[in-house]
Amino acid sequence: MRITEGQLRRIIREEIIGEAPLDDIITYDVNQRQRSERTPSVAHPSTRSRYKRTSGASYMDITRDLMRSTKDNWVIITPSDTGMSDLTVGSPRFKEWLAEKRTQHPAGTIFAFVSVPPVGGDFKTPAWAVIHDLLGHSIENSGPVDRMRRVRWAPRELRLALHSALPRELQVSKSKDDKLPDILAAILMGRLDPDTAHRISKEYVTRRRDDHGDYYGEGFKSAVRQHDEIIDGIFAAVDEFVTEARAAGFVNLKPW
């Protein structure tokens, strides 16, 4: 059977993007409001850094490298206006546009719609915008309220210990109280596994016992179990987020 030039290009494209967990960051033009009223999303070209090192093609190269170990194929959609995001994703125009985009990407691709603009003073680098904000904070703000409250209440020292175990490029936040999003994103990308996290958790409880003289005997075992539950909750939050995104082939990214 003879393969046409168009078919050959499609085969080559599918082979290339099939190996790239982040296939693309694409824009979607929302024209429901006056241009002066529009609030472009996080990672939209107009909200990115203008430094040459992190702009243009470099932005995509950096982001693809950061997400290289993610199991799923992702396409991130950055709308030109987030003022009416719920109406946008529910509109026939967007659904038709998305259906067409699905034909251009491998089956199972997760399309992630960015529903919010950057917050005041937020960072514009790919690591901060995509990893910390869009993935990390979106996972943090998903799932059952009670479970996520327990996850957020993980001791600061434990969060710091988990964060310090991440690959350096994923240690995005410098704030001691804003480490959890980096941890959640790293788990999504397969860069922090449960065994390592549980080991770090037990080491934390042991250090606390040795430093403060608490957690002895049954108290130590109970503390280990309690902190293991925190670790399990962190991984469960990521698993639920990804499972729902896979099932729908779509996820609304709402970091705040």
C-alpha atoms as a PDB file:
ATOM      1  CA  MET A   1       0.000   0.000   0.000  1.00  0.00           C
ATOM      2  CA  ARG A   2       1.343   3.392  -0.974  1.00  0.00           C
ATOM      3  CA  ILE A   3       1.564   5.998   1.807  1.00  0.00           C
ATOM      4  CA  THR A   4       0.781   9.578   0.848  1.00  0.00           C
ATOM      5  CA  GLU A   5       2.950  12.480   1.953  1.00  0.00           C
ATOM      6  CA  GLY A   6       0.235  13.644   4.366  1.00  0.00           C
ATOM      7  CA  GLN A   7      -0.052  10.197   5.954  1.00  0.00           C
ATOM      8  CA  LEU A   8       3.721  10.010   6.333  1.00  0.00           C
ATOM      9  CA  ARG A   9       3.832  13.379   8.095  1.00  0.00           C
ATOM     10  CA  ARG A  10       1.079  12.225  10.462  1.00  0.00           C
ATOM     11  CA  ILE A  11       2.921   8.968  11.251  1.00  0.00           C
ATOM     12  CA  ILE A  12       6.125  10.883  12.004  1.00  0.00           C
ATOM     13  CA  ARG A  13       4.244  13.390  14.165  1.00  0.00           C
ATOM     14  CA  GLU A  14       2.526  10.628  16.160  1.00  0.00           C
ATOM     15  CA  GLU A  15       5.853   8.876  16.729  1.00  0.00           C
ATOM     16  CA  ILE A  16       7.453  12.089  17.985  1.00  0.00           C
ATOM     17  CA  ILE A  17       4.663  13.294  20.272  1.00  0.00           C
ATOM     18  CA  GLY A  18       4.015   9.767  21.483  1.00  0.00           C
ATOM     19  CA  GLU A  19       7.382  10.005  23.207  1.00  0.00           C
ATOM     20  CA  ALA A  20       6.718  13.459  24.671  1.00  0.00           C
ATOM     21  CA  PRO A  21       4.559  13.510  27.828  1.00  0.00           C
ATOM     22  CA  LEU A  22       3.914  17.205  27.244  1.00  0.00           C
ATOM     23  CA  ASP A  23       2.896  17.413  23.618  1.00  0.00           C
ATOM     24  CA  ASP A  24       2.114  21.103  23.488  1.00  0.00           C
ATOM     25  CA  ILE A  25       0.901  24.264  25.177  1.00  0.00           C
ATOM     26  CA  ILE A  26      -1.704  25.762  22.877  1.00  0.00           C
ATOM     27  CA  THR A  27      -3.751  28.945  23.017  1.00  0.00           C
ATOM     28  CA  TYR A  28      -7.496  29.290  22.692  1.00  0.00           C
ATOM     29  CA  ASP A  29      -8.975  32.610  21.601  1.00  0.00           C
ATOM     30  CA  VAL A  30     -11.914  33.635  23.780  1.00  0.00           C
ATOM     31  CA  ASN A  31     -13.810  36.527  22.231  1.00  0.00           C
ATOM     32  CA  GLN A  32     -16.738  36.798  24.642  1.00  0.00           C
ATOM     33  CA  ARG A  33     -15.544  40.076  26.205  1.00  0.00           C
ATOM     34  CA  GLN A  34     -13.897  43.273  25.041  1.00  0.00           C
ATOM     35  CA  ARG A  35     -10.148  42.928  24.612  1.00  0.00           C
ATOM     36  CA  SER A  36      -9.495  45.493  27.344  1.00  0.00           C
ATOM     37  CA  GLU A  37     -11.454  43.339  29.845  1.00  0.00           C
ATOM     38  CA  ARG A  38      -9.682  40.063  29.083  1.00  0.00           C
ATOM     39  CA  THR A  39      -7.489  38.308  31.637  1.00  0.00           C
ATOM     40  CA  PRO A  40      -5.182  35.794  29.906  1.00  0.00           C
ATOM     41  CA  SER A  41      -4.401  32.569  31.742  1.00  0.00           C
ATOM     42  CA  VAL A  42      -1.322  31.352  33.549  1.00  0.00           C
ATOM     43  CA  ALA A  43       1.217  30.214  30.899  1.00  0.00           C
ATOM     44  CA  HIS A  44      -0.553  32.124  28.108  1.00  0.00           C
ATOM     45  CA  PRO A  45       2.114  33.697  25.847  1.00  0.00           C
ATOM     46  CA  SER A  46       1.131  37.190  27.021  1.00  0.00           C
ATOM     47  CA  THR A  47       1.704  36.310  30.697  1.00  0.00           C
ATOM     48  CA  ARG A  48       5.034  34.541  30.307  1.00  0.00           C
ATOM     49  CA  SER A  49       8.451  35.911  31.061  1.00  0.00           C
ATOM     50  CA  ARG A  50       9.989  38.033  28.342  1.00  0.00           C
ATOM     51  CA  TYR A  51      13.496  36.889  29.193  1.00  0.00           C
ATOM     52  CA  LYS A  52      14.897  35.159  26.134  1.00  0.00           C
ATOM     53  CA  ARG A  53      16.011  32.182  28.238  1.00  0.00           C
ATOM     54  CA  THR A  54      12.403  31.352  29.199  1.00  0.00           C
ATOM     55  CA  SER A  55      10.343  32.719  26.305  1.00  0.00           C
ATOM     56  CA  GLY A  56       9.277  31.540  22.869  1.00  0.00           C
ATOM     57  CA  ALA A  57      10.498  28.080  21.893  1.00  0.00           C
ATOM     58  CA  SER A  58      12.674  27.958  25.008  1.00  0.00           C
ATOM     59  CA  TYR A  59       9.542  28.013  27.181  1.00  0.00           C
ATOM     60  CA  MET A  60       8.273  24.840  25.526  1.00  0.00           C
ATOM     61  CA  ASP A  61      11.679  23.152  25.616  1.00  0.00           C
ATOM     62  CA  ILE A  62      12.054  23.818  29.345  1.00  0.00           C
ATOM     63  CA  THR A  63       8.506  22.661  30.135  1.00  0.00           C
ATOM     64  CA  ARG A  64       8.815  19.495  28.065  1.00  0.00           C
ATOM     65  CA  ASP A  65      12.055  18.657  29.847  1.00  0.00           C
ATOM     66  CA  LEU A  66      10.449  19.214  33.253  1.00  0.00           C
ATOM     67  CA  MET A  67       7.537  16.925  32.334  1.00  0.00           C
ATOM     68  CA  ARG A  68       9.599  14.314  30.512  1.00  0.00           C
ATOM     69  CA  SER A  69       8.818  11.539  33.017  1.00  0.00           C
ATOM     70  CA  THR A  70       5.051  12.052  33.160  1.00  0.00           C
ATOM     71  CA  LYS A  71       3.238   8.840  32.211  1.00  0.00           C
ATOM     72  CA  ASP A  72       0.413  10.499  30.301  1.00  0.00           C
ATOM     73  CA  ASN A  73       0.473  12.668  27.216  1.00  0.00           C
ATOM     74  CA  TRP A  74      -0.607  16.217  28.089  1.00  0.00           C
ATOM     75  CA  VAL A  75      -1.770  19.221  26.084  1.00  0.00           C
ATOM     76  CA  ILE A  76      -2.180  22.418  28.098  1.00  0.00           C
ATOM     77  CA  ILE A  77      -4.750  24.908  26.799  1.00  0.00           C
ATOM     78  CA  THR A  78      -4.135  28.555  27.688  1.00  0.00           C
ATOM     79  CA  PRO A  79      -7.149  30.776  26.906  1.00  0.00           C
ATOM     80  CA  SER A  80      -6.835  34.460  26.052  1.00  0.00           C
ATOM     81  CA  ASP A  81      -9.486  35.257  28.670  1.00  0.00           C
ATOM     82  CA  THR A  82     -10.333  33.463  31.916  1.00  0.00           C
ATOM     83  CA  GLY A  83     -13.140  35.792  32.982  1.00  0.00           C
ATOM     84  CA  MET A  84     -15.844  33.314  31.952  1.00  0.00           C
ATOM     85  CA  SER A  85     -13.985  30.001  31.997  1.00  0.00           C
ATOM     86  CA  ASP A  86     -16.944  27.804  32.977  1.00  0.00           C
ATOM     87  CA  LEU A  87     -19.000  29.213  30.112  1.00  0.00           C
ATOM     88  CA  THR A  88     -16.054  28.858  27.760  1.00  0.00           C
ATOM     89  CA  VAL A  89     -15.445  25.132  28.341  1.00  0.00           C
ATOM     90  CA  GLY A  90     -19.180  24.425  28.140  1.00  0.00           C
ATOM     91  CA  SER A  91     -19.706  26.288  24.884  1.00  0.00           C
ATOM     92  CA  PRO A  92     -20.398  24.459  21.585  1.00  0.00           C
ATOM     93  CA  ARG A  93     -17.590  26.478  19.973  1.00  0.00           C
ATOM     94  CA  PHE A  94     -14.988  25.209  22.457  1.00  0.00           C
ATOM     95  CA  LYS A  95     -16.268  21.626  22.320  1.00  0.00           C
ATOM     96  CA  GLU A  96     -16.019  21.623  18.524  1.00  0.00           C
ATOM     97  CA  TRP A  97     -12.516  23.112  18.709  1.00  0.00           C
ATOM     98  CA  LEU A  98     -11.430  20.523  21.297  1.00  0.00           C
ATOM     99  CA  ALA A  99     -12.850  17.641  19.237  1.00  0.00           C
ATOM    100  CA  GLU A 100     -10.754  18.780  16.281  1.00  0.00           C
ATOM    101  CA  LYS A 101      -7.631  19.045  18.458  1.00  0.00           C
ATOM    102  CA  ARG A 102      -8.149  15.490  19.722  1.00  0.00           C
ATOM    103  CA  THR A 103      -7.772  14.187  16.177  1.00  0.00           C
ATOM    104  CA  GLN A 104      -4.300  15.732  16.057  1.00  0.00           C
ATOM    105  CA  HIS A 105      -2.962  13.991  19.167  1.00  0.00           C
ATOM    106  CA  PRO A 106      -2.568  10.390  20.368  1.00  0.00           C
ATOM    107  CA  ALA A 107      -5.497   8.611  21.986  1.00  0.00           C
ATOM    108  CA  GLY A 108      -5.486   9.058  25.746  1.00  0.00           C
ATOM    109  CA  THR A 109      -4.055  12.573  25.653  1.00  0.00           C
ATOM    110  CA  ILE A 110      -5.182  14.667  28.624  1.00  0.00           C
ATOM    111  CA  PHE A 111      -6.262  18.154  27.598  1.00  0.00           C
ATOM    112  CA  ALA A 112      -5.806  20.543  30.523  1.00  0.00           C
ATOM    113  CA  PHE A 113      -7.671  23.850  30.378  1.00  0.00           C
ATOM    114  CA  VAL A 114      -6.177  26.700  32.430  1.00  0.00           C
ATOM    115  CA  SER A 115      -9.067  28.489  34.152  1.00  0.00           C
ATOM    116  CA  VAL A 116      -7.257  31.287  35.983  1.00  0.00           C
ATOM    117  CA  PRO A 117      -4.926  34.231  35.352  1.00  0.00           C
ATOM    118  CA  PRO A 118      -1.627  34.610  37.232  1.00  0.00           C
ATOM    119  CA  VAL A 119      -1.963  36.074  40.716  1.00  0.00           C
ATOM    120  CA  GLY A 120      -0.323  39.403  41.452  1.00  0.00           C
ATOM    121  CA  GLY A 121       3.436  39.147  41.666  1.00  0.00           C
ATOM    122  CA  ASP A 122       3.436  35.511  40.579  1.00  0.00           C
ATOM    123  CA  PHE A 123       6.481  34.098  38.835  1.00  0.00           C
ATOM    124  CA  LYS A 124       6.434  33.597  35.075  1.00  0.00           C
ATOM    125  CA  THR A 125       9.028  30.864  34.577  1.00  0.00           C
ATOM    126  CA  PRO A 126       7.869  27.511  33.144  1.00  0.00           C
ATOM    127  CA  ALA A 127       8.736  25.691  36.362  1.00  0.00           C
ATOM    128  CA  TRP A 128       6.692  28.050  38.493  1.00  0.00           C
ATOM    129  CA  ALA A 129       3.737  28.494  36.131  1.00  0.00           C
ATOM    130  CA  VAL A 130       3.296  24.925  34.873  1.00  0.00           C
ATOM    131  CA  ILE A 131       4.774  22.703  37.579  1.00  0.00           C
ATOM    132  CA  HIS A 132       4.102  24.626  40.797  1.00  0.00           C
ATOM    133  CA  ASP A 133       0.916  26.513  39.898  1.00  0.00           C
ATOM    134  CA  LEU A 134      -0.972  24.603  37.221  1.00  0.00           C
ATOM    135  CA  LEU A 135      -0.183  21.059  38.326  1.00  0.00           C
ATOM    136  CA  GLY A 136       0.799  21.348  41.992  1.00  0.00           C
ATOM    137  CA  HIS A 137      -1.747  23.864  43.223  1.00  0.00           C
ATOM    138  CA  SER A 138      -4.524  22.341  41.075  1.00  0.00           C
ATOM    139  CA  ILE A 139      -3.993  18.965  42.742  1.00  0.00           C
ATOM    140  CA  GLU A 140      -3.798  20.653  46.146  1.00  0.00           C
ATOM    141  CA  ASN A 141      -7.198  22.259  45.544  1.00  0.00           C
ATOM    142  CA  SER A 142      -8.871  19.092  44.242  1.00  0.00           C
ATOM    143  CA  GLY A 143     -10.301  16.068  46.013  1.00  0.00           C
ATOM    144  CA  PRO A 144     -12.346  15.698  49.207  1.00  0.00           C
ATOM    145  CA  VAL A 145     -12.029  18.677  51.539  1.00  0.00           C
ATOM    146  CA  ASP A 146     -11.346  16.612  54.669  1.00  0.00           C
ATOM    147  CA  ARG A 147      -8.537  14.616  53.073  1.00  0.00           C
ATOM    148  CA  MET A 148      -6.880  17.641  51.551  1.00  0.00           C
ATOM    149  CA  ARG A 149      -7.101  19.474  54.873  1.00  0.00           C
ATOM    150  CA  ARG A 150      -5.154  16.624  56.497  1.00  0.00           C
ATOM    151  CA  VAL A 151      -2.637  16.710  53.652  1.00  0.00           C
ATOM    152  CA  ARG A 152      -2.133  20.469  54.099  1.00  0.00           C
ATOM    153  CA  TRP A 153      -1.678  19.941  57.834  1.00  0.00           C
ATOM    154  CA  ALA A 154       1.363  17.748  57.272  1.00  0.00           C
ATOM    155  CA  PRO A 155       4.084  19.066  59.606  1.00  0.00           C
ATOM    156  CA  ARG A 156       6.200  21.749  58.003  1.00  0.00           C
ATOM    157  CA  GLU A 157       9.402  19.818  58.762  1.00  0.00           C
ATOM    158  CA  LEU A 158       8.020  16.746  56.994  1.00  0.00           C
ATOM    159  CA  ARG A 159       7.063  18.807  53.953  1.00  0.00           C
ATOM    160  CA  LEU A 160      10.538  20.339  53.922  1.00  0.00           C
ATOM    161  CA  ALA A 161      12.138  16.886  54.109  1.00  0.00           C
ATOM    162  CA  LEU A 162      10.015  15.583  51.221  1.00  0.00           C
ATOM    163  CA  HIS A 163      10.726  18.714  49.194  1.00  0.00           C
ATOM    164  CA  SER A 164      14.484  18.417  49.701  1.00  0.00           C
ATOM    165  CA  ALA A 165      14.324  14.880  48.259  1.00  0.00           C
ATOM    166  CA  LEU A 166      12.907  16.122  44.947  1.00  0.00           C
ATOM    167  CA  PRO A 167      15.087  16.625  41.875  1.00  0.00           C
ATOM    168  CA  ARG A 168      16.561  20.112  42.084  1.00  0.00           C
ATOM    169  CA  GLU A 169      14.649  21.368  39.023  1.00  0.00           C
ATOM    170  CA  LEU A 170      11.366  20.509  40.748  1.00  0.00           C
ATOM    171  CA  GLN A 171      12.238  22.349  43.965  1.00  0.00           C
ATOM    172  CA  VAL A 172      10.491  25.427  42.645  1.00  0.00           C
ATOM    173  CA  SER A 173       9.143  27.244  45.703  1.00  0.00           C
ATOM    174  CA  LYS A 174      11.516  28.879  48.160  1.00  0.00           C
ATOM    175  CA  SER A 175       8.795  29.534  50.730  1.00  0.00           C
ATOM    176  CA  LYS A 176       8.735  27.097  53.665  1.00  0.00           C
ATOM    177  CA  ASP A 177       4.939  27.199  53.637  1.00  0.00           C
ATOM    178  CA  ASP A 178       4.493  26.602  49.914  1.00  0.00           C
ATOM    179  CA  LYS A 179       6.327  23.313  49.337  1.00  0.00           C
ATOM    180  CA  LEU A 180       3.326  20.989  48.965  1.00  0.00           C
ATOM    181  CA  PRO A 181       2.472  21.926  45.337  1.00  0.00           C
ATOM    182  CA  ASP A 182       6.008  20.995  44.227  1.00  0.00           C
ATOM    183  CA  ILE A 183       5.695  17.649  46.031  1.00  0.00           C
ATOM    184  CA  LEU A 184       2.313  16.876  44.457  1.00  0.00           C
ATOM    185  CA  ALA A 185       3.552  17.779  40.971  1.00  0.00           C
ATOM    186  CA  ALA A 186       6.658  15.634  41.426  1.00  0.00           C
ATOM    187  CA  ILE A 187       4.489  12.652  42.354  1.00  0.00           C
ATOM    188  CA  LEU A 188       2.356  13.186  39.249  1.00  0.00           C
ATOM    189  CA  MET A 189       5.517  13.159  37.158  1.00  0.00           C
ATOM    190  CA  GLY A 190       6.822  10.004  38.794  1.00  0.00           C
ATOM    191  CA  ARG A 191       9.747  11.802  40.446  1.00  0.00           C
ATOM    192  CA  LEU A 192       8.807  10.860  44.031  1.00  0.00           C
ATOM    193  CA  ASP A 193       7.685   7.307  44.828  1.00  0.00           C
ATOM    194  CA  PRO A 194       5.735   6.048  47.886  1.00  0.00           C
ATOM    195  CA  ASP A 195       8.604   3.974  49.306  1.00  0.00           C
ATOM    196  CA  THR A 196      10.934   6.979  49.352  1.00  0.00           C
ATOM    197  CA  ALA A 197       8.252   9.211  50.878  1.00  0.00           C
ATOM    198  CA  HIS A 198       7.448   6.687  53.633  1.00  0.00           C
ATOM    199  CA  ARG A 199      11.151   6.290  54.402  1.00  0.00           C
ATOM    200  CA  ILE A 200      11.531  10.058  54.719  1.00  0.00           C
ATOM    201  CA  SER A 201       8.443  10.171  56.931  1.00  0.00           C
ATOM    202  CA  LYS A 202       9.792   7.538  59.314  1.00  0.00           C
ATOM    203  CA  GLU A 203      13.162   9.303  59.439  1.00  0.00           C
ATOM    204  CA  TYR A 204      11.345  12.518  60.351  1.00  0.00           C
ATOM    205  CA  VAL A 205       9.452  10.847  63.211  1.00  0.00           C
ATOM    206  CA  THR A 206      12.683   9.232  64.434  1.00  0.00           C
ATOM    207  CA  ARG A 207      14.547  12.551  64.398  1.00  0.00           C
ATOM    208  CA  ARG A 208      11.746  14.176  66.327  1.00  0.00           C
ATOM    209  CA  ARG A 209      11.904  11.402  68.936  1.00  0.00           C
ATOM    210  CA  ASP A 210      15.658  11.733  69.261  1.00  0.00           C
ATOM    211  CA  ASP A 211      15.626  15.542  69.353  1.00  0.00           C
ATOM    212  CA  HIS A 212      12.624  16.099  71.605  1.00  0.00           C
ATOM    213  CA  GLY A 213      12.374  12.925  73.656  1.00  0.00           C
ATOM    214  CA  ASP A 214       8.819  12.072  72.551  1.00  0.00           C
ATOM    215  CA  TYR A 215       7.362   9.244  70.448  1.00  0.00           C
ATOM    216  CA  TYR A 216       8.714   6.266  72.452  1.00  0.00           C
ATOM    217  CA  GLY A 217       7.336   2.725  72.481  1.00  0.00           C
ATOM    218  CA  GLU A 218       3.744   2.554  71.313  1.00  0.00           C
ATOM    219  CA  GLY A 219       3.789   6.319  70.904  1.00  0.00           C
ATOM    220  CA  PHE A 220       6.517   5.987  68.278  1.00  0.00           C
ATOM    221  CA  LYS A 221       4.600   3.299  66.384  1.00  0.00           C
ATOM    222  CA  SER A 222       1.442   5.408  66.532  1.00  0.00           C
ATOM    223  CA  ALA A 223       3.301   8.472  65.247  1.00  0.00           C
ATOM    224  CA  VAL A 224       4.759   6.452  62.364  1.00  0.00           C
ATOM    225  CA  ARG A 225       1.260   5.237  61.440  1.00  0.00           C
ATOM    226  CA  GLN A 226      -0.173   8.750  61.609  1.00  0.00           C
ATOM    227  CA  HIS A 227       2.517  10.137  59.357  1.00  0.00           C
ATOM    228  CA  ASP A 228       2.194   7.179  56.991  1.00  0.00           C
ATOM    229  CA  GLU A 229      -1.480   8.114  56.661  1.00  0.00           C
ATOM    230  CA  ILE A 230      -0.450  11.631  55.702  1.00  0.00           C
ATOM    231  CA  ILE A 231       1.881  10.255  53.011  1.00  0.00           C
ATOM    232  CA  ASP A 232      -0.854   7.915  51.751  1.00  0.00           C
ATOM    233  CA  GLY A 233      -3.234  10.885  51.578  1.00  0.00           C
ATOM    234  CA  ILE A 234      -0.752  12.898  49.520  1.00  0.00           C
ATOM    235  CA  PHE A 235      -0.345  10.091  46.987  1.00  0.00           C
ATOM    236  CA  ALA A 236      -4.097   9.388  46.961  1.00  0.00           C
ATOM    237  CA  ALA A 237      -4.778  13.024  46.062  1.00  0.00           C
ATOM    238  CA  VAL A 238      -2.487  12.791  43.032  1.00  0.00           C
ATOM    239  CA  ASP A 239      -3.867   9.400  41.997  1.00  0.00           C
ATOM    240  CA  GLU A 240      -7.463  10.622  42.137  1.00  0.00           C
ATOM    241  CA  PHE A 241      -6.620  13.771  40.187  1.00  0.00           C
ATOM    242  CA  VAL A 242      -4.882  11.822  37.423  1.00  0.00           C
ATOM    243  CA  THR A 243      -7.479   9.025  37.343  1.00  0.00           C
ATOM    244  CA  GLU A 244     -10.317  11.500  36.798  1.00  0.00           C
ATOM    245  CA  ALA A 245      -8.318  13.380  34.166  1.00  0.00           C
ATOM    246  CA  ARG A 246      -7.586  10.163  32.292  1.00  0.00           C
ATOM    247  CA  ALA A 247     -11.214   9.046  32.378  1.00  0.00           C
ATOM    248  CA  ALA A 248     -12.440  12.364  30.984  1.00  0.00           C
ATOM    249  CA  GLY A 249      -9.433  13.062  28.756  1.00  0.00           C
ATOM    250  CA  PHE A 250      -9.805  16.549  30.144  1.00  0.00           C
ATOM    251  CA  VAL A 251      -9.121  18.478  33.337  1.00  0.00           C
ATOM    252  CA  ASN A 252      -9.925  22.013  34.394  1.00  0.00           C
ATOM    253  CA  LEU A 253      -6.814  23.397  36.066  1.00  0.00           C
ATOM    254  CA  LYS A 254      -7.859  25.614  38.976  1.00  0.00           C
ATOM    255  CA  PRO A 255      -4.820  26.403  41.155  1.00  0.00           C
ATOM    256  CA  TRP A 256      -6.815  28.973  43.174  1.00  0.00           C
END
